[in-house]
Amino acid sequence: DLNAVVDETLKLLNSEIVTRKVELTVERAGSLPAVDGNRTQLQQVLVNLIMNALEALGETGEGERRIVLTTSSGAGHVSVVVEDSGPGIDQEKIGSIFEPLATWKPGGTGMGLAICNSIVEAHGGRMHAENRSGGGARVGFSLPFAKGENAT
């Protein structure tokens, strides 16, 4: 249940979100089809995506720091998307952010999103990233429904 994984992850990161004065909006699908996966690994993917969003908001003025986390389902997949109101991802680098050693953060190793991508692909899913038209980035992943699950 990816909604439950999202809730657990947000509990873990609550102090980071509060300390950084970020307005968090969570838009959960009412119920999601189950996915087959390692809960801890999927939580790690979410931690990385949320922490990246929090770090992207570092230069954003107080009151303008927003993250929207959305869960949804459709076409045989469940999706989780993290959007932020930061500066977005450099257009020249956006196509390679899931590759090892690709980083745009000072002190970044370039391994976080590469590891996330490996985890998601091992679960039969896909990662995706794009810049939002109003500024900021949208990064997420989709996973196939567990065997025997149908859209609800």
N, C-alpha and C. Protein backbone atom coordinates (compact mmCIF):
# COMPACT_ATOMS: atom_id res chain seq x y z
N ASP A 1 0.86 -1.18 0.00
CA ASP A 1 0.00 0.00 0.00
C ASP A 1 0.90 1.24 0.00
N LEU A 2 1.02 1.86 -1.18
CA LEU A 2 1.92 3.02 -1.28
C LEU A 2 1.43 4.21 -0.46
N ASN A 3 0.12 4.35 -0.23
CA ASN A 3 -0.34 5.43 0.64
C ASN A 3 0.22 5.25 2.05
N ALA A 4 0.25 4.02 2.54
CA ALA A 4 0.81 3.75 3.87
C ALA A 4 2.31 4.03 3.89
N VAL A 5 3.02 3.67 2.83
CA VAL A 5 4.45 3.93 2.74
C VAL A 5 4.70 5.44 2.75
N VAL A 6 3.87 6.19 2.04
CA VAL A 6 3.98 7.66 2.04
C VAL A 6 3.78 8.19 3.45
N ASP A 7 2.74 7.73 4.14
CA ASP A 7 2.46 8.21 5.50
C ASP A 7 3.63 7.92 6.45
N GLU A 8 4.17 6.71 6.38
CA GLU A 8 5.31 6.35 7.23
C GLU A 8 6.52 7.22 6.94
N THR A 9 6.76 7.46 5.67
CA THR A 9 7.92 8.27 5.26
C THR A 9 7.76 9.71 5.75
N LEU A 10 6.57 10.24 5.64
CA LEU A 10 6.34 11.61 6.08
C LEU A 10 6.50 11.75 7.60
N LYS A 11 6.14 10.72 8.34
CA LYS A 11 6.38 10.74 9.78
C LYS A 11 7.87 10.80 10.07
N LEU A 12 8.66 10.04 9.32
CA LEU A 12 10.11 10.05 9.49
C LEU A 12 10.72 11.42 9.19
N LEU A 13 10.17 12.10 8.21
CA LEU A 13 10.75 13.36 7.74
C LEU A 13 10.05 14.60 8.30
N ASN A 14 9.08 14.42 9.17
CA ASN A 14 8.29 15.55 9.67
C ASN A 14 9.16 16.66 10.25
N SER A 15 10.15 16.32 11.07
CA SER A 15 10.96 17.37 11.69
C SER A 15 11.75 18.16 10.64
N GLU A 16 12.23 17.49 9.59
CA GLU A 16 12.93 18.19 8.50
C GLU A 16 12.00 19.17 7.81
N ILE A 17 10.79 18.74 7.56
CA ILE A 17 9.80 19.57 6.86
C ILE A 17 9.46 20.79 7.72
N VAL A 18 9.23 20.57 9.01
CA VAL A 18 8.88 21.66 9.93
C VAL A 18 10.05 22.62 10.10
N THR A 19 11.24 22.08 10.35
CA THR A 19 12.44 22.90 10.56
C THR A 19 12.72 23.80 9.37
N ARG A 20 12.51 23.29 8.18
CA ARG A 20 12.80 24.07 6.96
C ARG A 20 11.63 24.98 6.55
N LYS A 21 10.57 24.95 7.36
CA LYS A 21 9.41 25.83 7.13
C LYS A 21 8.82 25.63 5.74
N VAL A 22 8.54 24.37 5.42
CA VAL A 22 7.99 24.02 4.12
C VAL A 22 6.52 23.68 4.28
N GLU A 23 5.71 24.23 3.39
CA GLU A 23 4.29 23.89 3.35
C GLU A 23 4.15 22.60 2.54
N LEU A 24 3.67 21.55 3.19
CA LEU A 24 3.52 20.26 2.54
C LEU A 24 2.04 19.99 2.30
N THR A 25 1.72 19.64 1.06
CA THR A 25 0.37 19.21 0.71
C THR A 25 0.47 17.77 0.21
N VAL A 26 -0.38 16.92 0.75
CA VAL A 26 -0.40 15.52 0.32
C VAL A 26 -1.76 15.26 -0.32
N GLU A 27 -1.72 14.83 -1.56
CA GLU A 27 -2.94 14.52 -2.31
C GLU A 27 -2.93 13.02 -2.60
N ARG A 28 -3.56 12.25 -1.70
CA ARG A 28 -3.59 10.79 -1.83
C ARG A 28 -4.81 10.35 -2.62
N ALA A 29 -4.61 9.37 -3.48
CA ALA A 29 -5.75 8.70 -4.09
C ALA A 29 -6.48 8.00 -2.96
N GLY A 30 -7.81 7.96 -3.01
CA GLY A 30 -8.59 7.36 -1.93
C GLY A 30 -8.15 5.97 -1.57
N SER A 31 -8.00 5.14 -2.54
CA SER A 31 -7.44 3.80 -2.32
C SER A 31 -6.64 3.45 -3.56
N LEU A 32 -5.55 2.79 -3.32
CA LEU A 32 -4.67 2.42 -4.43
C LEU A 32 -4.58 0.90 -4.53
N PRO A 33 -4.50 0.39 -5.74
CA PRO A 33 -4.19 -1.03 -5.88
C PRO A 33 -2.83 -1.30 -5.25
N ALA A 34 -2.66 -2.47 -4.72
CA ALA A 34 -1.39 -2.86 -4.10
C ALA A 34 -0.31 -3.00 -5.17
N VAL A 35 0.94 -2.84 -4.73
CA VAL A 35 2.09 -3.12 -5.58
C VAL A 35 2.93 -4.17 -4.88
N ASP A 36 3.68 -4.93 -5.66
CA ASP A 36 4.63 -5.88 -5.09
C ASP A 36 5.93 -5.12 -4.90
N GLY A 37 6.46 -5.15 -3.68
CA GLY A 37 7.71 -4.44 -3.49
C GLY A 37 8.23 -4.54 -2.07
N ASN A 38 9.47 -4.17 -1.94
CA ASN A 38 10.12 -4.12 -0.64
C ASN A 38 9.81 -2.76 -0.02
N ARG A 39 9.05 -2.78 1.07
CA ARG A 39 8.58 -1.57 1.72
C ARG A 39 9.75 -0.63 2.08
N THR A 40 10.81 -1.18 2.64
CA THR A 40 11.96 -0.37 3.07
C THR A 40 12.63 0.29 1.87
N GLN A 41 12.79 -0.44 0.78
CA GLN A 41 13.41 0.13 -0.41
C GLN A 41 12.55 1.25 -1.00
N LEU A 42 11.24 1.03 -1.04
CA LEU A 42 10.35 2.06 -1.59
C LEU A 42 10.33 3.28 -0.68
N GLN A 43 10.43 3.06 0.62
CA GLN A 43 10.53 4.18 1.56
C GLN A 43 11.82 4.97 1.31
N GLN A 44 12.91 4.26 1.01
CA GLN A 44 14.17 4.94 0.72
C GLN A 44 14.06 5.81 -0.52
N VAL A 45 13.34 5.33 -1.53
CA VAL A 45 13.13 6.14 -2.73
C VAL A 45 12.38 7.42 -2.36
N LEU A 46 11.33 7.27 -1.57
CA LEU A 46 10.55 8.45 -1.16
C LEU A 46 11.37 9.41 -0.32
N VAL A 47 12.16 8.88 0.61
CA VAL A 47 13.02 9.74 1.43
C VAL A 47 13.93 10.56 0.53
N ASN A 48 14.53 9.92 -0.46
CA ASN A 48 15.44 10.62 -1.36
C ASN A 48 14.71 11.71 -2.15
N LEU A 49 13.55 11.39 -2.69
CA LEU A 49 12.81 12.37 -3.48
C LEU A 49 12.39 13.57 -2.63
N ILE A 50 11.92 13.30 -1.42
CA ILE A 50 11.47 14.38 -0.54
C ILE A 50 12.66 15.21 -0.07
N MET A 51 13.76 14.56 0.31
CA MET A 51 14.94 15.31 0.74
C MET A 51 15.50 16.15 -0.40
N ASN A 52 15.50 15.63 -1.62
CA ASN A 52 15.94 16.43 -2.76
C ASN A 52 15.05 17.66 -2.93
N ALA A 53 13.74 17.47 -2.77
CA ALA A 53 12.82 18.61 -2.88
C ALA A 53 13.09 19.62 -1.77
N LEU A 54 13.30 19.15 -0.56
CA LEU A 54 13.60 20.05 0.56
C LEU A 54 14.88 20.84 0.30
N GLU A 55 15.90 20.16 -0.22
CA GLU A 55 17.17 20.83 -0.51
C GLU A 55 17.01 21.84 -1.64
N ALA A 56 16.16 21.53 -2.61
CA ALA A 56 15.93 22.45 -3.72
C ALA A 56 15.27 23.74 -3.25
N LEU A 57 14.60 23.69 -2.12
CA LEU A 57 13.90 24.87 -1.59
C LEU A 57 14.80 25.74 -0.73
N GLY A 58 16.07 25.36 -0.57
CA GLY A 58 16.99 26.07 0.31
C GLY A 58 17.10 27.55 0.04
N GLU A 59 17.11 27.94 -1.22
CA GLU A 59 17.26 29.35 -1.58
C GLU A 59 15.92 30.05 -1.77
N THR A 60 14.84 29.29 -1.67
CA THR A 60 13.50 29.84 -1.87
C THR A 60 13.07 30.58 -0.61
N GLY A 61 12.45 31.72 -0.78
CA GLY A 61 12.03 32.54 0.36
C GLY A 61 11.00 31.85 1.23
N GLU A 62 11.05 32.18 2.53
CA GLU A 62 10.08 31.63 3.46
C GLU A 62 8.68 32.04 2.99
N GLY A 63 7.74 31.14 3.12
CA GLY A 63 6.39 31.40 2.63
C GLY A 63 6.20 30.97 1.19
N GLU A 64 7.29 30.69 0.50
CA GLU A 64 7.22 30.22 -0.89
C GLU A 64 7.71 28.79 -1.02
N ARG A 65 8.06 28.17 0.09
CA ARG A 65 8.59 26.80 0.08
C ARG A 65 7.43 25.82 0.15
N ARG A 66 7.17 25.19 -0.99
CA ARG A 66 6.05 24.25 -1.06
C ARG A 66 6.46 22.94 -1.70
N ILE A 67 5.92 21.88 -1.14
CA ILE A 67 6.05 20.54 -1.72
C ILE A 67 4.64 19.96 -1.81
N VAL A 68 4.35 19.36 -2.95
CA VAL A 68 3.10 18.64 -3.13
C VAL A 68 3.45 17.20 -3.45
N LEU A 69 2.94 16.29 -2.65
CA LEU A 69 3.17 14.86 -2.86
C LEU A 69 1.83 14.25 -3.26
N THR A 70 1.82 13.56 -4.39
CA THR A 70 0.58 13.02 -4.94
C THR A 70 0.72 11.53 -5.19
N THR A 71 -0.33 10.78 -4.84
CA THR A 71 -0.41 9.37 -5.23
C THR A 71 -1.63 9.21 -6.14
N SER A 72 -1.48 8.33 -7.13
CA SER A 72 -2.58 8.09 -8.06
C SER A 72 -2.40 6.71 -8.70
N SER A 73 -3.42 6.30 -9.42
CA SER A 73 -3.31 5.03 -10.15
C SER A 73 -4.02 5.16 -11.49
N GLY A 74 -3.58 4.33 -12.42
CA GLY A 74 -4.19 4.29 -13.73
C GLY A 74 -3.35 3.47 -14.67
N ALA A 75 -3.98 2.89 -15.68
CA ALA A 75 -3.29 2.12 -16.72
C ALA A 75 -2.36 1.06 -16.14
N GLY A 76 -2.80 0.39 -15.07
CA GLY A 76 -2.02 -0.71 -14.52
C GLY A 76 -0.86 -0.32 -13.63
N HIS A 77 -0.75 0.98 -13.30
CA HIS A 77 0.36 1.47 -12.48
C HIS A 77 -0.13 2.35 -11.34
N VAL A 78 0.63 2.35 -10.27
CA VAL A 78 0.44 3.28 -9.17
C VAL A 78 1.59 4.27 -9.26
N SER A 79 1.29 5.56 -9.08
CA SER A 79 2.32 6.60 -9.19
C SER A 79 2.43 7.42 -7.92
N VAL A 80 3.66 7.83 -7.63
CA VAL A 80 3.94 8.78 -6.56
C VAL A 80 4.77 9.89 -7.18
N VAL A 81 4.35 11.13 -6.95
CA VAL A 81 5.04 12.28 -7.53
C VAL A 81 5.31 13.30 -6.42
N VAL A 82 6.52 13.85 -6.43
CA VAL A 82 6.92 14.90 -5.50
C VAL A 82 7.21 16.15 -6.33
N GLU A 83 6.46 17.22 -6.07
CA GLU A 83 6.66 18.50 -6.76
C GLU A 83 7.18 19.52 -5.76
N ASP A 84 8.08 20.38 -6.20
CA ASP A 84 8.57 21.45 -5.31
C ASP A 84 8.48 22.78 -6.02
N SER A 85 8.58 23.84 -5.25
CA SER A 85 8.51 25.20 -5.78
C SER A 85 9.90 25.84 -5.90
N GLY A 86 10.92 25.00 -5.98
CA GLY A 86 12.29 25.49 -6.09
C GLY A 86 12.63 25.97 -7.49
N PRO A 87 13.92 26.04 -7.79
CA PRO A 87 14.36 26.59 -9.08
C PRO A 87 14.20 25.63 -10.26
N GLY A 88 13.89 24.38 -10.01
CA GLY A 88 13.79 23.41 -11.10
C GLY A 88 15.13 22.75 -11.38
N ILE A 89 15.15 21.89 -12.37
CA ILE A 89 16.35 21.12 -12.73
C ILE A 89 16.93 21.71 -14.01
N ASP A 90 18.22 21.89 -14.04
CA ASP A 90 18.91 22.42 -15.21
C ASP A 90 18.48 21.61 -16.44
N GLN A 91 17.96 22.29 -17.46
CA GLN A 91 17.48 21.62 -18.67
C GLN A 91 18.54 20.76 -19.34
N GLU A 92 19.79 21.14 -19.23
CA GLU A 92 20.86 20.37 -19.85
C GLU A 92 21.12 19.07 -19.10
N LYS A 93 20.70 18.99 -17.84
CA LYS A 93 20.97 17.81 -17.02
C LYS A 93 19.76 16.94 -16.76
N ILE A 94 18.57 17.44 -17.05
CA ILE A 94 17.36 16.72 -16.66
C ILE A 94 17.27 15.33 -17.29
N GLY A 95 17.80 15.16 -18.48
CA GLY A 95 17.74 13.86 -19.14
C GLY A 95 18.68 12.81 -18.56
N SER A 96 19.59 13.24 -17.69
CA SER A 96 20.58 12.29 -17.15
C SER A 96 20.57 12.21 -15.62
N ILE A 97 19.56 12.78 -14.97
CA ILE A 97 19.61 12.83 -13.50
C ILE A 97 19.52 11.47 -12.82
N PHE A 98 19.07 10.46 -13.53
CA PHE A 98 18.98 9.12 -12.92
C PHE A 98 20.22 8.27 -13.18
N GLU A 99 21.21 8.85 -13.85
CA GLU A 99 22.45 8.14 -14.13
C GLU A 99 23.43 8.30 -12.96
N PRO A 100 24.25 7.28 -12.70
CA PRO A 100 25.24 7.39 -11.61
C PRO A 100 26.16 8.59 -11.83
N LEU A 101 26.47 9.26 -10.73
CA LEU A 101 27.39 10.40 -10.66
C LEU A 101 26.82 11.68 -11.26
N ALA A 102 25.56 11.68 -11.66
CA ALA A 102 24.93 12.91 -12.15
C ALA A 102 24.46 13.70 -10.93
N THR A 103 25.01 14.88 -10.74
CA THR A 103 24.59 15.71 -9.63
C THR A 103 24.63 17.17 -10.02
N TRP A 104 23.81 17.95 -9.37
CA TRP A 104 23.82 19.40 -9.57
C TRP A 104 23.89 20.11 -8.23
N LYS A 105 23.98 19.33 -7.15
CA LYS A 105 24.04 19.91 -5.81
C LYS A 105 25.49 19.99 -5.34
N PRO A 106 25.87 21.10 -4.72
CA PRO A 106 27.21 21.17 -4.14
C PRO A 106 27.37 20.06 -3.10
N GLY A 107 28.43 19.29 -3.21
CA GLY A 107 28.66 18.21 -2.27
C GLY A 107 27.86 16.95 -2.56
N GLY A 108 27.04 16.97 -3.61
CA GLY A 108 26.25 15.78 -3.96
C GLY A 108 27.13 14.70 -4.57
N THR A 109 26.76 13.46 -4.33
CA THR A 109 27.54 12.34 -4.87
C THR A 109 27.01 11.89 -6.23
N GLY A 110 25.79 12.24 -6.55
CA GLY A 110 25.20 11.79 -7.80
C GLY A 110 24.74 10.34 -7.76
N MET A 111 24.60 9.80 -6.56
CA MET A 111 24.20 8.40 -6.44
C MET A 111 22.76 8.23 -5.97
N GLY A 112 22.19 9.22 -5.32
CA GLY A 112 20.85 9.09 -4.74
C GLY A 112 19.79 8.71 -5.76
N LEU A 113 19.64 9.50 -6.81
CA LEU A 113 18.62 9.20 -7.81
C LEU A 113 18.97 7.98 -8.64
N ALA A 114 20.25 7.70 -8.82
CA ALA A 114 20.66 6.49 -9.55
C ALA A 114 20.24 5.25 -8.75
N ILE A 115 20.44 5.29 -7.45
CA ILE A 115 20.03 4.16 -6.60
C ILE A 115 18.51 4.05 -6.60
N CYS A 116 17.82 5.18 -6.50
CA CYS A 116 16.35 5.16 -6.56
C CYS A 116 15.87 4.54 -7.87
N ASN A 117 16.50 4.93 -8.96
CA ASN A 117 16.13 4.40 -10.27
C ASN A 117 16.33 2.89 -10.31
N SER A 118 17.44 2.42 -9.76
CA SER A 118 17.70 0.97 -9.72
C SER A 118 16.64 0.24 -8.91
N ILE A 119 16.27 0.82 -7.77
CA ILE A 119 15.24 0.19 -6.92
C ILE A 119 13.91 0.13 -7.67
N VAL A 120 13.51 1.24 -8.26
CA VAL A 120 12.23 1.29 -8.96
C VAL A 120 12.23 0.34 -10.15
N GLU A 121 13.31 0.31 -10.92
CA GLU A 121 13.38 -0.62 -12.05
C GLU A 121 13.35 -2.07 -11.59
N ALA A 122 14.00 -2.37 -10.46
CA ALA A 122 13.97 -3.74 -9.92
C ALA A 122 12.55 -4.15 -9.52
N HIS A 123 11.71 -3.18 -9.25
CA HIS A 123 10.31 -3.44 -8.92
C HIS A 123 9.40 -3.38 -10.16
N GLY A 124 10.01 -3.28 -11.33
CA GLY A 124 9.25 -3.27 -12.57
C GLY A 124 8.70 -1.91 -12.94
N GLY A 125 9.19 -0.85 -12.29
CA GLY A 125 8.65 0.48 -12.52
C GLY A 125 9.58 1.40 -13.26
N ARG A 126 9.18 2.68 -13.31
CA ARG A 126 9.95 3.71 -14.01
C ARG A 126 9.97 4.99 -13.18
N MET A 127 11.09 5.69 -13.25
CA MET A 127 11.22 7.02 -12.65
C MET A 127 10.99 8.05 -13.76
N HIS A 128 10.58 9.24 -13.36
CA HIS A 128 10.41 10.32 -14.33
C HIS A 128 10.68 11.66 -13.65
N ALA A 129 11.11 12.62 -14.44
CA ALA A 129 11.39 13.97 -13.92
C ALA A 129 11.09 14.99 -15.01
N GLU A 130 10.58 16.13 -14.57
CA GLU A 130 10.33 17.23 -15.47
C GLU A 130 10.29 18.52 -14.65
N ASN A 131 10.47 19.62 -15.33
CA ASN A 131 10.30 20.91 -14.70
C ASN A 131 8.84 21.32 -14.82
N ARG A 132 8.34 21.97 -13.79
CA ARG A 132 6.98 22.47 -13.80
C ARG A 132 6.94 23.79 -14.57
N SER A 133 5.85 24.04 -15.26
CA SER A 133 5.75 25.26 -16.06
C SER A 133 5.82 26.52 -15.20
N GLY A 134 5.34 26.46 -13.96
CA GLY A 134 5.38 27.62 -13.08
C GLY A 134 6.63 27.70 -12.23
N GLY A 135 7.62 26.86 -12.50
CA GLY A 135 8.84 26.81 -11.71
C GLY A 135 8.84 25.60 -10.80
N GLY A 136 10.01 25.15 -10.45
CA GLY A 136 10.13 23.96 -9.61
C GLY A 136 10.23 22.71 -10.45
N ALA A 137 10.33 21.59 -9.75
CA ALA A 137 10.49 20.30 -10.42
C ALA A 137 9.41 19.33 -9.97
N ARG A 138 9.19 18.33 -10.81
CA ARG A 138 8.25 17.24 -10.54
C ARG A 138 9.02 15.96 -10.81
N VAL A 139 9.25 15.17 -9.74
CA VAL A 139 10.00 13.92 -9.86
C VAL A 139 9.17 12.83 -9.20
N GLY A 140 9.10 11.69 -9.83
CA GLY A 140 8.32 10.61 -9.25
C GLY A 140 8.61 9.27 -9.88
N PHE A 141 7.77 8.32 -9.53
CA PHE A 141 7.92 6.97 -10.05
C PHE A 141 6.56 6.31 -10.16
N SER A 142 6.51 5.29 -11.00
CA SER A 142 5.30 4.47 -11.12
C SER A 142 5.71 3.02 -11.04
N LEU A 143 4.83 2.23 -10.42
CA LEU A 143 5.05 0.80 -10.25
C LEU A 143 3.83 0.05 -10.73
N PRO A 144 4.02 -1.13 -11.31
CA PRO A 144 2.87 -1.90 -11.77
C PRO A 144 2.05 -2.43 -10.59
N PHE A 145 0.76 -2.60 -10.83
CA PHE A 145 -0.10 -3.22 -9.82
C PHE A 145 0.45 -4.60 -9.48
N ALA A 146 0.21 -5.02 -8.26
CA ALA A 146 0.56 -6.40 -7.85
C ALA A 146 -0.28 -7.36 -8.70
N LYS A 147 0.23 -8.54 -8.90
CA LYS A 147 -0.49 -9.54 -9.67
C LYS A 147 -1.89 -9.73 -9.08
N GLY A 148 -2.89 -9.73 -9.93
CA GLY A 148 -4.26 -9.94 -9.47
C GLY A 148 -4.96 -8.67 -9.05
N GLU A 149 -4.28 -7.53 -9.03
CA GLU A 149 -4.90 -6.25 -8.65
C GLU A 149 -5.49 -5.60 -9.88
N ASN A 150 -6.59 -4.92 -9.68
CA ASN A 150 -7.22 -4.13 -10.73
C ASN A 150 -7.40 -2.72 -10.23
N ALA A 151 -7.61 -1.78 -11.13
CA ALA A 151 -7.86 -0.39 -10.73
C ALA A 151 -9.13 -0.35 -9.91
N THR A 152 -9.11 0.52 -8.89
CA THR A 152 -10.30 0.67 -8.06
C THR A 152 -10.96 2.00 -8.30
